[in-house]
Amino acid sequence: MAGSDEMTRMLWLQGASCGGCTMSILESGASGWFDELRQSGIDLIWHPSVSEETGDEVVELLEAIRDGRERLDLLVLEGSVARGPHLSGRFNMLAGTNRSIYHWLLDLAPLADYVVAVGSCAAYGGIPAAGINPTDAVGLQFEGSDIGGALGAGFRSKRGLPVINVAGCAPHPGWMMESLLALTSGDLTADGLDAVGRPTFIANHLAHHGCSRNEFYEFKASAETMSERGCLMEHLGCRATQAVGDCNQRSWNGGGSCTKGGYACIACTSPGFESTQNYLETAKLAGIPVGLPTDMPKAWFVALAALSKSATPRRVRVNATADHVVVPPGRPSDKRRP
């Protein structure tokens, strides 16, 4: 997309990726992502899935940026960096250039004012890094929760910032656009990132906040199988009390979230989420969930859980293991113990 010199020039590359981050951000803005970009003064100079330019046009653009003939303000990567085999990057080549995405990133990242990893694959390695990781997939500046990744721990963009990690699988469209806008306006600094590079305006919230199942959580009234209305934490693998993100405070595409749809939160904004053994079963030790709320001592949680369960209203207890409201609020029967 051609734009004026006054616009912020953004190049979007894709590494080892399913394309889900692009699918998510296409829903951004009331009139769509492209209109939102124009209104925000961002010129998307190339994106492999949505741009018209192909072949020699793209090679010329990349070479012009690399040689200093074209300005690069924002470099965005979607997908992990496949460094293998043996740091050749040949598991993920950029067609027509005989060079890997990995080596293009090594050339282009130091030339950008800001470098942004969209999605947990680009941030931490994500799904391609799971298991034995034969492609040596890593994030731009992290390998799981360990700093380093493709660009190295000491990497800083031209404006002095490390890689900004807009984590998620896929991230909320608002997280991506707001991060880009915060960078272009100068409102996002290194102090605005958490220990693993996530903007704190995202990281200061938990997916648990605003969950429609919170009443069941408060009384520890748990669903026992999928499709039931109760809290998913105790038995069905939900990690929303440990997962960064405001997913349940601003619904996806105007209406949805994982827990609202009946699916457990898998903490997809966290480094290493892809290594969870079973997304739909809560790991326990002596009957107590291993993953407990991040901001509460385990002994306190166990004590409060016991008190909560002893005070659970019949309405909440019955509805927790049903797929619809069996006992509505306000009925006299709600005041009686079963």
Protein backbone atom coordinates (compact mmCIF):
# COMPACT_ATOMS: atom_id res chain seq x y z
CA MET A 1 0.00 0.00 0.00
CA ALA A 2 1.54 3.27 -1.04
CA GLY A 3 1.43 6.14 1.45
CA SER A 4 2.87 9.56 2.15
CA ASP A 5 6.14 10.20 3.95
CA GLU A 6 4.18 11.54 6.91
CA MET A 7 2.57 8.17 7.56
CA THR A 8 4.07 5.48 9.75
CA ARG A 9 5.50 2.77 7.51
CA MET A 10 4.73 -0.77 8.71
CA LEU A 11 6.07 -4.02 7.26
CA TRP A 12 4.32 -7.24 8.34
CA LEU A 13 6.15 -10.54 7.90
CA GLN A 14 4.96 -14.08 8.62
CA GLY A 15 7.13 -16.79 10.07
CA ALA A 16 6.03 -20.26 11.15
CA SER A 17 2.37 -19.43 11.60
CA CYS A 18 -1.21 -20.51 11.03
CA GLY A 19 -2.22 -16.97 10.04
CA GLY A 20 -4.62 -16.67 12.98
CA CYS A 21 -3.22 -13.33 14.16
CA THR A 22 -4.00 -11.78 10.78
CA MET A 23 -7.47 -13.32 10.86
CA SER A 24 -8.00 -11.74 14.27
CA ILE A 25 -6.80 -8.24 13.41
CA LEU A 26 -8.93 -8.11 10.25
CA GLU A 27 -11.86 -7.68 12.65
CA SER A 28 -10.29 -4.58 14.21
CA GLY A 29 -12.17 -1.28 13.95
CA ALA A 30 -15.80 -0.54 13.26
CA SER A 31 -15.18 -0.33 9.49
CA GLY A 32 -12.39 -2.92 9.30
CA TRP A 33 -8.66 -3.01 9.83
CA PHE A 34 -7.57 -1.26 6.63
CA ASP A 35 -9.75 1.74 7.29
CA GLU A 36 -8.52 1.86 10.88
CA LEU A 37 -4.92 1.83 9.66
CA ARG A 38 -5.58 4.75 7.32
CA GLN A 39 -7.33 6.74 10.01
CA SER A 40 -4.41 6.06 12.36
CA GLY A 41 -1.79 7.24 9.88
CA ILE A 42 -0.22 3.80 9.38
CA ASP A 43 0.87 2.76 5.91
CA LEU A 44 0.97 -1.03 5.59
CA ILE A 45 3.72 -1.18 2.99
CA TRP A 46 3.49 -4.97 2.67
CA HIS A 47 1.74 -7.97 4.20
CA PRO A 48 2.13 -11.43 2.60
CA SER A 49 -1.57 -12.30 2.84
CA VAL A 50 -3.37 -9.05 2.06
CA SER A 51 -1.06 -6.97 -0.16
CA GLU A 52 -1.25 -6.93 -3.95
CA GLU A 53 2.50 -6.71 -4.46
CA THR A 54 4.27 -10.01 -5.16
CA GLY A 55 7.49 -11.35 -6.64
CA ASP A 56 10.06 -8.79 -7.76
CA GLU A 57 8.09 -5.91 -6.24
CA VAL A 58 8.42 -7.40 -2.77
CA VAL A 59 12.07 -8.33 -3.21
CA GLU A 60 12.82 -4.77 -4.31
CA LEU A 61 11.02 -3.35 -1.27
CA LEU A 62 12.87 -5.58 1.18
CA GLU A 63 16.21 -4.86 -0.45
CA ALA A 64 15.50 -1.13 -0.42
CA ILE A 65 14.80 -1.23 3.31
CA ARG A 66 17.87 -3.35 3.95
CA ASP A 67 20.06 -0.97 1.93
CA GLY A 68 18.69 2.15 3.62
CA ARG A 69 16.79 3.46 0.58
CA GLU A 70 13.39 3.00 2.24
CA ARG A 71 12.36 3.93 5.78
CA LEU A 72 10.96 1.32 8.17
CA ASP A 73 9.06 2.50 11.21
CA LEU A 74 7.29 -0.65 12.40
CA LEU A 75 8.46 -4.20 11.76
CA VAL A 76 5.81 -6.73 12.74
CA LEU A 77 6.31 -10.48 12.82
CA GLU A 78 3.49 -13.02 13.01
CA GLY A 79 4.60 -16.58 13.69
CA SER A 80 7.71 -18.06 15.25
CA VAL A 81 11.22 -17.83 13.85
CA ALA A 82 12.28 -21.24 12.53
CA ARG A 83 16.07 -21.06 12.89
CA GLY A 84 16.84 -24.64 11.89
CA PRO A 85 18.46 -26.62 10.66
CA HIS A 86 21.74 -25.52 12.24
CA LEU A 87 20.80 -21.79 12.23
CA SER A 88 20.34 -21.84 8.46
CA GLY A 89 16.66 -20.91 8.73
CA ARG A 90 15.90 -23.10 5.75
CA PHE A 91 12.77 -24.55 7.31
CA ASN A 92 11.11 -21.20 6.55
CA MET A 93 12.37 -19.51 3.37
CA LEU A 94 11.04 -16.29 1.85
CA ALA A 95 10.11 -17.25 -1.70
CA GLY A 96 12.02 -15.54 -4.47
CA THR A 97 14.88 -14.38 -2.29
CA ASN A 98 16.76 -17.62 -1.55
CA ARG A 99 16.98 -16.35 2.01
CA SER A 100 15.22 -17.43 5.17
CA ILE A 101 12.76 -15.35 7.17
CA TYR A 102 15.23 -15.72 10.03
CA HIS A 103 18.03 -14.00 8.13
CA TRP A 104 15.74 -11.31 6.75
CA LEU A 105 14.73 -10.52 10.32
CA LEU A 106 18.34 -10.28 11.40
CA ASP A 107 18.87 -7.69 8.64
CA LEU A 108 15.66 -5.69 9.03
CA ALA A 109 15.02 -5.59 12.78
CA PRO A 110 17.94 -3.23 13.60
CA LEU A 111 16.64 -0.78 10.95
CA ALA A 112 13.13 -0.45 12.40
CA ASP A 113 12.08 2.16 14.93
CA TYR A 114 10.04 -0.53 16.68
CA VAL A 115 9.81 -4.31 16.41
CA VAL A 116 6.55 -6.02 17.37
CA ALA A 117 5.86 -9.73 17.85
CA VAL A 118 2.15 -10.41 17.34
CA GLY A 119 0.98 -13.68 18.82
CA SER A 120 2.64 -16.08 21.21
CA CYS A 121 4.49 -17.84 18.38
CA ALA A 122 6.35 -14.67 17.42
CA ALA A 123 6.77 -13.71 21.06
CA TYR A 124 7.90 -16.99 22.65
CA GLY A 125 8.01 -19.72 20.01
CA GLY A 126 4.44 -20.92 20.58
CA ILE A 127 2.95 -23.94 18.87
CA PRO A 128 5.87 -24.59 16.45
CA ALA A 129 8.21 -24.75 19.47
CA ALA A 130 6.19 -27.45 21.25
CA GLY A 131 7.57 -30.92 21.86
CA ILE A 132 10.98 -31.73 20.46
CA ASN A 133 10.90 -28.58 18.28
CA PRO A 134 12.64 -30.01 15.17
CA THR A 135 12.62 -26.63 13.36
CA ASP A 136 14.36 -24.86 16.28
CA ALA A 137 11.45 -22.42 16.47
CA VAL A 138 11.81 -19.49 18.87
CA GLY A 139 10.31 -16.09 19.45
CA LEU A 140 11.91 -12.86 18.32
CA GLN A 141 13.50 -12.15 21.71
CA PHE A 142 12.35 -15.03 23.91
CA GLU A 143 12.56 -18.80 23.80
CA GLY A 144 9.69 -19.71 26.07
CA SER A 145 10.20 -17.60 29.18
CA ASP A 146 13.97 -17.37 28.63
CA ILE A 147 15.22 -14.18 27.05
CA GLY A 148 17.29 -14.51 23.89
CA GLY A 149 15.33 -15.89 20.96
CA ALA A 150 16.20 -15.03 17.39
CA LEU A 151 17.45 -11.46 17.96
CA GLY A 152 19.24 -11.96 21.27
CA ALA A 153 18.74 -10.60 24.76
CA GLY A 154 20.56 -7.36 24.02
CA PHE A 155 18.56 -6.39 20.94
CA ARG A 156 17.09 -2.89 20.86
CA SER A 157 15.29 -1.22 17.99
CA LYS A 158 16.34 2.19 16.64
CA ARG A 159 14.18 3.88 19.29
CA GLY A 160 15.86 1.88 22.05
CA LEU A 161 13.07 -0.58 22.83
CA PRO A 162 13.21 -4.37 23.07
CA VAL A 163 10.71 -6.42 21.09
CA ILE A 164 7.13 -5.65 22.08
CA ASN A 165 5.33 -8.95 22.65
CA VAL A 166 1.59 -8.77 21.93
CA ALA A 167 1.03 -12.34 23.07
CA GLY A 168 -2.02 -14.53 22.52
CA CYS A 169 -3.12 -17.35 20.26
CA ALA A 170 -4.43 -15.33 18.59
CA PRO A 171 -4.22 -11.92 20.30
CA HIS A 172 -7.33 -9.78 20.63
CA PRO A 173 -7.45 -7.33 17.68
CA GLY A 174 -7.59 -4.46 20.16
CA TRP A 175 -4.35 -5.54 21.80
CA MET A 176 -2.54 -5.46 18.47
CA MET A 177 -3.88 -2.15 17.20
CA GLU A 178 -3.59 -0.37 20.54
CA SER A 179 0.03 -1.50 20.86
CA LEU A 180 0.82 -0.19 17.39
CA LEU A 181 -0.92 3.11 18.12
CA ALA A 182 0.82 3.46 21.49
CA LEU A 183 4.16 3.04 19.74
CA THR A 184 3.43 5.53 16.96
CA SER A 185 2.26 8.13 19.50
CA GLY A 186 5.27 7.59 21.75
CA ASP A 187 3.11 6.40 24.65
CA LEU A 188 4.62 2.94 25.00
CA THR A 189 8.07 2.86 26.57
CA ALA A 190 10.24 0.13 28.06
CA ASP A 191 8.67 0.89 31.44
CA GLY A 192 5.32 -0.07 29.93
CA LEU A 193 6.39 -3.69 29.37
CA ASP A 194 6.30 -6.59 31.81
CA ALA A 195 9.09 -9.09 32.46
CA VAL A 196 8.37 -11.04 29.27
CA GLY A 197 7.85 -8.04 27.00
CA ARG A 198 4.05 -7.72 27.09
CA PRO A 199 2.49 -4.23 27.24
CA THR A 200 1.27 -3.69 30.80
CA PHE A 201 -2.08 -2.35 29.64
CA ILE A 202 -2.71 -5.98 28.67
CA ALA A 203 -0.60 -7.68 31.34
CA ASN A 204 -2.22 -5.81 34.24
CA HIS A 205 -5.43 -7.80 33.74
CA LEU A 206 -6.34 -11.46 34.03
CA ALA A 207 -8.66 -13.39 31.73
CA HIS A 208 -10.60 -14.27 34.89
CA HIS A 209 -11.66 -10.65 35.35
CA GLY A 210 -15.16 -10.20 33.96
CA CYS A 211 -15.74 -13.92 33.34
CA SER A 212 -19.46 -14.70 33.15
CA ARG A 213 -18.82 -17.75 35.37
CA ASN A 214 -17.40 -15.76 38.28
CA GLU A 215 -20.33 -16.44 40.61
CA PHE A 216 -19.63 -20.16 40.28
CA TYR A 217 -15.92 -19.49 40.88
CA GLU A 218 -16.66 -17.51 44.05
CA PHE A 219 -18.59 -20.43 45.55
CA LYS A 220 -16.28 -23.05 44.01
CA ALA A 221 -19.29 -24.57 42.27
CA SER A 222 -17.60 -26.45 39.47
CA ALA A 223 -18.65 -27.90 36.16
CA GLU A 224 -17.82 -31.58 35.94
CA THR A 225 -18.12 -32.11 32.20
CA MET A 226 -18.06 -29.89 29.13
CA SER A 227 -21.22 -27.88 28.37
CA GLU A 228 -22.08 -27.34 32.03
CA ARG A 229 -22.39 -23.80 33.39
CA GLY A 230 -20.15 -23.99 36.46
CA CYS A 231 -16.57 -22.84 36.99
CA LEU A 232 -14.10 -24.63 34.73
CA MET A 233 -11.06 -24.25 36.98
CA GLU A 234 -11.39 -27.17 39.41
CA HIS A 235 -11.86 -30.00 36.92
CA LEU A 236 -11.74 -28.82 33.30
CA GLY A 237 -8.35 -27.14 33.00
CA CYS A 238 -9.26 -23.44 33.06
CA ARG A 239 -6.25 -21.21 33.80
CA ALA A 240 -8.00 -17.83 33.59
CA THR A 241 -6.95 -16.93 37.15
CA GLN A 242 -3.32 -17.16 36.00
CA ALA A 243 -3.61 -15.86 32.43
CA VAL A 244 -2.78 -12.33 31.34
CA GLY A 245 -5.43 -10.58 29.24
CA ASP A 246 -8.70 -8.67 29.41
CA CYS A 247 -10.48 -11.21 27.19
CA ASN A 248 -13.64 -11.25 29.28
CA GLN A 249 -13.77 -7.48 29.75
CA ARG A 250 -13.83 -6.66 26.04
CA SER A 251 -15.34 -9.54 24.18
CA TRP A 252 -13.97 -10.78 20.88
CA ASN A 253 -15.69 -9.40 17.81
CA GLY A 254 -18.36 -7.84 19.99
CA GLY A 255 -19.55 -10.91 21.82
CA GLY A 256 -17.34 -13.90 22.54
CA SER A 257 -14.59 -15.27 24.75
CA CYS A 258 -13.26 -18.74 25.43
CA THR A 259 -15.00 -19.19 28.77
CA LYS A 260 -18.22 -17.60 27.54
CA GLY A 261 -18.24 -20.19 24.76
CA GLY A 262 -17.84 -22.99 27.31
CA TYR A 263 -14.16 -23.65 26.69
CA ALA A 264 -11.45 -23.46 29.35
CA CYS A 265 -8.86 -20.67 29.21
CA ILE A 266 -5.54 -22.25 28.17
CA ALA A 267 -3.43 -19.19 29.13
CA CYS A 268 -2.40 -18.63 25.52
CA THR A 269 -0.74 -15.30 26.40
CA SER A 270 1.81 -17.12 28.59
CA PRO A 271 5.23 -18.39 27.51
CA GLY A 272 5.13 -22.17 27.22
CA PHE A 273 1.34 -22.49 27.11
CA GLU A 274 1.73 -24.95 24.23
CA SER A 275 3.40 -27.46 26.56
CA THR A 276 0.33 -27.91 28.77
CA GLN A 277 -0.31 -31.65 28.99
CA ASN A 278 -4.11 -31.57 28.77
CA TYR A 279 -6.04 -28.38 28.08
CA LEU A 280 -9.33 -29.86 29.29
CA GLU A 281 -8.23 -31.48 32.54
CA THR A 282 -6.98 -29.74 35.66
CA ALA A 283 -3.67 -31.07 36.95
CA LYS A 284 -4.00 -31.83 40.68
CA LEU A 285 -1.82 -32.83 43.60
CA ALA A 286 -3.61 -34.54 46.48
CA GLY A 287 -6.88 -33.41 44.95
CA ILE A 288 -5.88 -29.73 44.87
CA PRO A 289 -5.37 -27.95 41.52
CA VAL A 290 -1.69 -27.33 40.84
CA GLY A 291 -2.33 -24.06 39.05
CA LEU A 292 -3.93 -21.69 41.54
CA PRO A 293 -4.54 -17.92 41.32
CA THR A 294 -1.24 -16.12 40.84
CA ASP A 295 -1.83 -13.51 43.53
CA MET A 296 -3.00 -15.72 46.43
CA PRO A 297 -1.01 -18.07 48.71
CA LYS A 298 -2.11 -21.65 48.16
CA ALA A 299 -3.01 -22.21 51.83
CA TRP A 300 -5.34 -19.21 51.74
CA PHE A 301 -7.00 -20.43 48.57
CA VAL A 302 -7.62 -23.91 50.00
CA ALA A 303 -9.09 -22.46 53.20
CA LEU A 304 -11.32 -19.99 51.36
CA ALA A 305 -12.45 -22.66 48.90
CA ALA A 306 -13.65 -24.84 51.76
CA LEU A 307 -15.58 -21.94 53.29
CA SER A 308 -17.06 -20.97 49.92
CA LYS A 309 -18.27 -24.49 49.19
CA SER A 310 -19.93 -24.70 52.61
CA ALA A 311 -21.90 -21.52 51.85
CA THR A 312 -22.88 -22.28 48.26
CA PRO A 313 -26.55 -21.46 47.58
CA ARG A 314 -28.59 -24.34 46.22
CA ARG A 315 -29.28 -22.34 43.02
CA VAL A 316 -25.55 -22.03 42.29
CA ARG A 317 -24.80 -25.65 43.21
CA VAL A 318 -27.54 -27.07 40.99
CA ASN A 319 -26.91 -24.75 38.03
CA ALA A 320 -23.17 -25.46 38.06
CA THR A 321 -23.66 -28.99 36.74
CA ALA A 322 -26.44 -28.17 34.28
CA ASP A 323 -26.28 -26.85 30.73
CA HIS A 324 -29.05 -24.31 31.36
CA VAL A 325 -30.54 -22.43 34.31
CA VAL A 326 -32.43 -24.96 36.40
CA VAL A 327 -33.01 -22.81 39.48
CA PRO A 328 -33.45 -19.09 38.70
CA PRO A 329 -32.49 -16.48 41.32
CA GLY A 330 -34.96 -15.19 43.86
CA ARG A 331 -37.03 -18.33 44.46
CA PRO A 332 -37.70 -19.44 48.06
CA SER A 333 -36.09 -22.82 47.29
CA ASP A 334 -32.83 -20.99 46.70
CA LYS A 335 -32.60 -20.27 50.41
CA ARG A 336 -32.74 -23.93 51.44
CA ARG A 337 -29.82 -26.30 51.53
CA PRO A 338 -30.20 -29.41 49.39
